[in-house]
Structure formats: structure tokens, C-alpha cells
């Protein structure tokens, strides 16, 4: 996010922290929307 914003992007929506997942998006200088997220793999239930 820091690199995207420093390169001219903007963050139209605040960062969201759901505890097990963090989500943040940005709009690039051409107007394209990008969503970046990280999810804790240990939060997923074990596979059956």
C-alpha cells in the first residue's frame, strides 16, 4: 500500500482488519481499483 500510494495511487476506502484477515484497496493513477488482502492460514478449519 505504501508503494502504491507513493506512486500516485489513492486509498478511497479505509483499511479493514477482521482479526483473521486484513483488507485494503487502492485506486491507481489510471482509475483501476485493486484490492489487497492477507488471510491467516491458521484461521481456516482443517480439511476433512
PDB file of N, CA and C in Angstrom:
ATOM      1  N   UNK A   1       0.817  -1.182   0.000  1.00  0.00           N
ATOM      2  CA  UNK A   1       0.000   0.000   0.000  1.00  0.00           C
ATOM      3  C   UNK A   1       0.861   1.245   0.000  1.00  0.00           C
ATOM      4  N   UNK A   2       1.892   1.251   0.800  1.00  0.00           N
ATOM      5  CA  UNK A   2       2.742   2.444   0.860  1.00  0.00           C
ATOM      6  C   UNK A   2       3.342   2.756  -0.512  1.00  0.00           C
ATOM      7  N   UNK A   3       3.812   1.730  -1.216  1.00  0.00           N
ATOM      8  CA  UNK A   3       4.400   1.955  -2.541  1.00  0.00           C
ATOM      9  C   UNK A   3       3.350   2.424  -3.535  1.00  0.00           C
ATOM     10  N   UNK A   4       2.162   1.864  -3.474  1.00  0.00           N
ATOM     11  CA  UNK A   4       1.094   2.271  -4.395  1.00  0.00           C
ATOM     12  C   UNK A   4       0.705   3.724  -4.161  1.00  0.00           C
ATOM     13  N   UNK A   5       0.585   4.116  -2.918  1.00  0.00           N
ATOM     14  CA  UNK A   5       0.212   5.498  -2.610  1.00  0.00           C
ATOM     15  C   UNK A   5       1.336   6.466  -2.975  1.00  0.00           C
ATOM     16  N   UNK A   6       2.588   6.058  -2.744  1.00  0.00           N
ATOM     17  CA  UNK A   6       3.720   6.917  -3.090  1.00  0.00           C
ATOM     18  C   UNK A   6       3.848   7.095  -4.604  1.00  0.00           C
ATOM     19  N   UNK A   7       3.351   6.117  -5.374  1.00  0.00           N
ATOM     20  CA  UNK A   7       3.432   6.181  -6.833  1.00  0.00           C
ATOM     21  C   UNK A   7       2.256   6.925  -7.456  1.00  0.00           C
ATOM     22  N   UNK A   8       1.408   7.519  -6.641  1.00  0.00           N
ATOM     23  CA  UNK A   8       0.310   8.314  -7.182  1.00  0.00           C
ATOM     24  C   UNK A   8      -1.068   7.711  -7.012  1.00  0.00           C
ATOM     25  N   UNK A   9      -1.142   6.537  -6.392  1.00  0.00           N
ATOM     26  CA  UNK A   9      -2.441   5.943  -6.132  1.00  0.00           C
ATOM     27  C   UNK A   9      -3.145   6.636  -4.978  1.00  0.00           C
ATOM     28  N   UNK A  10      -4.383   6.285  -4.785  1.00  0.00           N
ATOM     29  CA  UNK A  10      -5.116   6.830  -3.637  1.00  0.00           C
ATOM     30  C   UNK A  10      -5.926   5.715  -3.000  1.00  0.00           C
ATOM     31  N   UNK A  11      -6.178   5.854  -1.712  1.00  0.00           N
ATOM     32  CA  UNK A  11      -6.938   4.852  -0.960  1.00  0.00           C
ATOM     33  C   UNK A  11      -8.325   5.407  -0.672  1.00  0.00           C
ATOM     34  N   UNK A  12      -9.316   5.067  -1.510  1.00  0.00           N
ATOM     35  CA  UNK A  12     -10.657   5.614  -1.310  1.00  0.00           C
ATOM     36  C   UNK A  12     -11.402   5.001  -0.118  1.00  0.00           C
ATOM     37  N   UNK A  13     -10.931   3.842   0.354  1.00  0.00           N
ATOM     38  CA  UNK A  13     -11.599   3.144   1.466  1.00  0.00           C
ATOM     39  C   UNK A  13     -10.571   2.851   2.548  1.00  0.00           C
ATOM     40  N   UNK A  14     -10.982   2.960   3.791  1.00  0.00           N
ATOM     41  CA  UNK A  14     -10.088   2.682   4.915  1.00  0.00           C
ATOM     42  C   UNK A  14      -9.708   1.207   4.989  1.00  0.00           C
ATOM     43  N   UNK A  15      -8.570   0.924   5.563  1.00  0.00           N
ATOM     44  CA  UNK A  15      -8.090  -0.434   5.815  1.00  0.00           C
ATOM     45  C   UNK A  15      -9.067  -1.128   6.759  1.00  0.00           C
ATOM     46  N   UNK A  16      -9.332  -2.419   6.497  1.00  0.00           N
ATOM     47  CA  UNK A  16     -10.251  -3.192   7.339  1.00  0.00           C
ATOM     48  C   UNK A  16      -9.483  -4.351   7.967  1.00  0.00           C
ATOM     49  N   UNK A  17      -9.543  -4.461   9.266  1.00  0.00           N
ATOM     50  CA  UNK A  17      -8.885  -5.551   9.985  1.00  0.00           C
ATOM     51  C   UNK A  17      -9.976  -6.419  10.595  1.00  0.00           C
ATOM     52  N   UNK A  18     -10.118  -7.641  10.080  1.00  0.00           N
ATOM     53  CA  UNK A  18     -11.145  -8.564  10.555  1.00  0.00           C
ATOM     54  C   UNK A  18     -10.595  -9.562  11.569  1.00  0.00           C
ATOM     55  N   UNK A  19      -9.371  -9.327  12.044  1.00  0.00           N
ATOM     56  CA  UNK A  19      -8.753 -10.227  13.000  1.00  0.00           C
ATOM     57  C   UNK A  19      -7.969 -11.337  12.313  1.00  0.00           C
ATOM     58  N   UNK A  20      -8.646 -12.158  11.545  1.00  0.00           N
ATOM     59  CA  UNK A  20      -8.001 -13.249  10.814  1.00  0.00           C
ATOM     60  C   UNK A  20      -7.613 -12.831   9.393  1.00  0.00           C
ATOM     61  N   UNK A  21      -8.082 -11.645   8.966  1.00  0.00           N
ATOM     62  CA  UNK A  21      -7.828 -11.168   7.612  1.00  0.00           C
ATOM     63  C   UNK A  21      -7.729  -9.646   7.631  1.00  0.00           C
ATOM     64  N   UNK A  22      -6.779  -9.114   6.854  1.00  0.00           N
ATOM     65  CA  UNK A  22      -6.631  -7.671   6.693  1.00  0.00           C
ATOM     66  C   UNK A  22      -6.871  -7.355   5.225  1.00  0.00           C
ATOM     67  N   UNK A  23      -7.645  -6.312   4.968  1.00  0.00           N
ATOM     68  CA  UNK A  23      -8.042  -5.959   3.610  1.00  0.00           C
ATOM     69  C   UNK A  23      -7.838  -4.461   3.401  1.00  0.00           C
ATOM     70  N   UNK A  24      -7.267  -4.102   2.262  1.00  0.00           N
ATOM     71  CA  UNK A  24      -7.099  -2.695   1.919  1.00  0.00           C
ATOM     72  C   UNK A  24      -7.030  -2.591   0.405  1.00  0.00           C
ATOM     73  N   UNK A  25      -7.553  -1.543  -0.137  1.00  0.00           N
ATOM     74  CA  UNK A  25      -7.547  -1.375  -1.579  1.00  0.00           C
ATOM     75  C   UNK A  25      -7.059   0.002  -1.966  1.00  0.00           C
ATOM     76  N   UNK A  26      -6.708   0.132  -3.231  1.00  0.00           N
ATOM     77  CA  UNK A  26      -6.286   1.427  -3.734  1.00  0.00           C
ATOM     78  C   UNK A  26      -6.741   1.593  -5.176  1.00  0.00           C
ATOM     79  N   UNK A  27      -6.739   2.826  -5.610  1.00  0.00           N
ATOM     80  CA  UNK A  27      -7.044   3.166  -6.997  1.00  0.00           C
ATOM     81  C   UNK A  27      -5.760   3.672  -7.629  1.00  0.00           C
ATOM     82  N   UNK A  28      -5.358   3.076  -8.751  1.00  0.00           N
ATOM     83  CA  UNK A  28      -4.118   3.508  -9.405  1.00  0.00           C
ATOM     84  C   UNK A  28      -4.370   4.795 -10.206  1.00  0.00           C
ATOM     85  N   UNK A  29      -3.311   5.436 -10.687  1.00  0.00           N
ATOM     86  CA  UNK A  29      -3.485   6.699 -11.414  1.00  0.00           C
ATOM     87  C   UNK A  29      -4.372   6.599 -12.662  1.00  0.00           C
ATOM     88  N   UNK A  30      -4.540   5.385 -13.211  1.00  0.00           N
ATOM     89  CA  UNK A  30      -5.421   5.203 -14.370  1.00  0.00           C
ATOM     90  C   UNK A  30      -6.875   4.968 -13.979  1.00  0.00           C
ATOM     91  N   UNK A  31      -7.148   4.908 -12.668  1.00  0.00           N
ATOM     92  CA  UNK A  31      -8.506   4.709 -12.195  1.00  0.00           C
ATOM     93  C   UNK A  31      -8.879   3.260 -11.923  1.00  0.00           C
ATOM     94  N   UNK A  32      -7.934   2.330 -12.066  1.00  0.00           N
ATOM     95  CA  UNK A  32      -8.219   0.914 -11.786  1.00  0.00           C
ATOM     96  C   UNK A  32      -8.230   0.671 -10.278  1.00  0.00           C
ATOM     97  N   UNK A  33      -9.176  -0.132  -9.837  1.00  0.00           N
ATOM     98  CA  UNK A  33      -9.309  -0.474  -8.422  1.00  0.00           C
ATOM     99  C   UNK A  33      -8.579  -1.778  -8.137  1.00  0.00           C
ATOM    100  N   UNK A  34      -7.804  -1.823  -7.064  1.00  0.00           N
ATOM    101  CA  UNK A  34      -7.062  -3.011  -6.646  1.00  0.00           C
ATOM    102  C   UNK A  34      -7.399  -3.295  -5.195  1.00  0.00           C
ATOM    103  N   UNK A  35      -7.651  -4.562  -4.887  1.00  0.00           N
ATOM    104  CA  UNK A  35      -7.896  -4.983  -3.510  1.00  0.00           C
ATOM    105  C   UNK A  35      -6.759  -5.895  -3.089  1.00  0.00           C
ATOM    106  N   UNK A  36      -6.150  -5.591  -1.973  1.00  0.00           N
ATOM    107  CA  UNK A  36      -5.044  -6.364  -1.426  1.00  0.00           C
ATOM    108  C   UNK A  36      -5.506  -6.924  -0.089  1.00  0.00           C
ATOM    109  N   UNK A  37      -5.249  -8.224   0.132  1.00  0.00           N
ATOM    110  CA  UNK A  37      -5.625  -8.772   1.425  1.00  0.00           C
ATOM    111  C   UNK A  37      -4.644  -9.842   1.858  1.00  0.00           C
ATOM    112  N   UNK A  38      -4.635 -10.080   3.146  1.00  0.00           N
ATOM    113  CA  UNK A  38      -3.846 -11.145   3.744  1.00  0.00           C
ATOM    114  C   UNK A  38      -4.776 -11.895   4.676  1.00  0.00           C
ATOM    115  N   UNK A  39      -4.703 -13.216   4.614  1.00  0.00           N
ATOM    116  CA  UNK A  39      -5.534 -14.051   5.479  1.00  0.00           C
ATOM    117  C   UNK A  39      -4.637 -15.036   6.208  1.00  0.00           C
ATOM    118  N   UNK A  40      -4.825 -15.158   7.506  1.00  0.00           N
ATOM    119  CA  UNK A  40      -4.044 -16.073   8.322  1.00  0.00           C
ATOM    120  C   UNK A  40      -4.410 -17.505   7.957  1.00  0.00           C
ATOM    121  N   UNK A  41      -3.486 -18.293   7.414  1.00  0.00           N
ATOM    122  CA  UNK A  41      -3.821 -19.665   7.021  1.00  0.00           C
ATOM    123  C   UNK A  41      -4.197 -20.552   8.206  1.00  0.00           C
ATOM    124  N   UNK A  42      -3.771 -20.181   9.401  1.00  0.00           N
ATOM    125  CA  UNK A  42      -4.116 -20.957  10.595  1.00  0.00           C
ATOM    126  C   UNK A  42      -5.564 -20.724  11.042  1.00  0.00           C
ATOM    127  N   UNK A  43      -6.221 -19.724  10.472  1.00  0.00           N
ATOM    128  CA  UNK A  43      -7.609 -19.434  10.842  1.00  0.00           C
ATOM    129  C   UNK A  43      -8.584 -20.328  10.100  1.00  0.00           C
ATOM    130  N   UNK A  44      -8.161 -20.971   9.009  1.00  0.00           N
ATOM    131  CA  UNK A  44      -9.047 -21.840   8.234  1.00  0.00           C
ATOM    132  C   UNK A  44      -9.246 -23.170   8.973  1.00  0.00           C
ATOM    133  N   UNK A  45     -10.456 -23.713   8.930  1.00  0.00           N
ATOM    134  CA  UNK A  45     -10.689 -25.013   9.566  1.00  0.00           C
ATOM    135  C   UNK A  45      -9.892 -26.107   8.863  1.00  0.00           C
ATOM    136  N   UNK A  46      -9.498 -27.146   9.586  1.00  0.00           N
ATOM    137  CA  UNK A  46      -8.739 -28.239   8.961  1.00  0.00           C
ATOM    138  C   UNK A  46      -9.548 -28.929   7.866  1.00  0.00           C
ATOM    139  N   UNK A  47      -8.859 -29.381   6.823  1.00  0.00           N
ATOM    140  CA  UNK A  47      -9.524 -30.091   5.727  1.00  0.00           C
ATOM    141  C   UNK A  47      -9.908 -31.496   6.178  1.00  0.00           C
ATOM    142  N   UNK A  48     -11.081 -31.926   5.765  1.00  0.00           N
ATOM    143  CA  UNK A  48     -11.571 -33.258   6.151  1.00  0.00           C
ATOM    144  C   UNK A  48     -11.013 -34.332   5.234  1.00  0.00           C
TER     145      UNK A  48
END
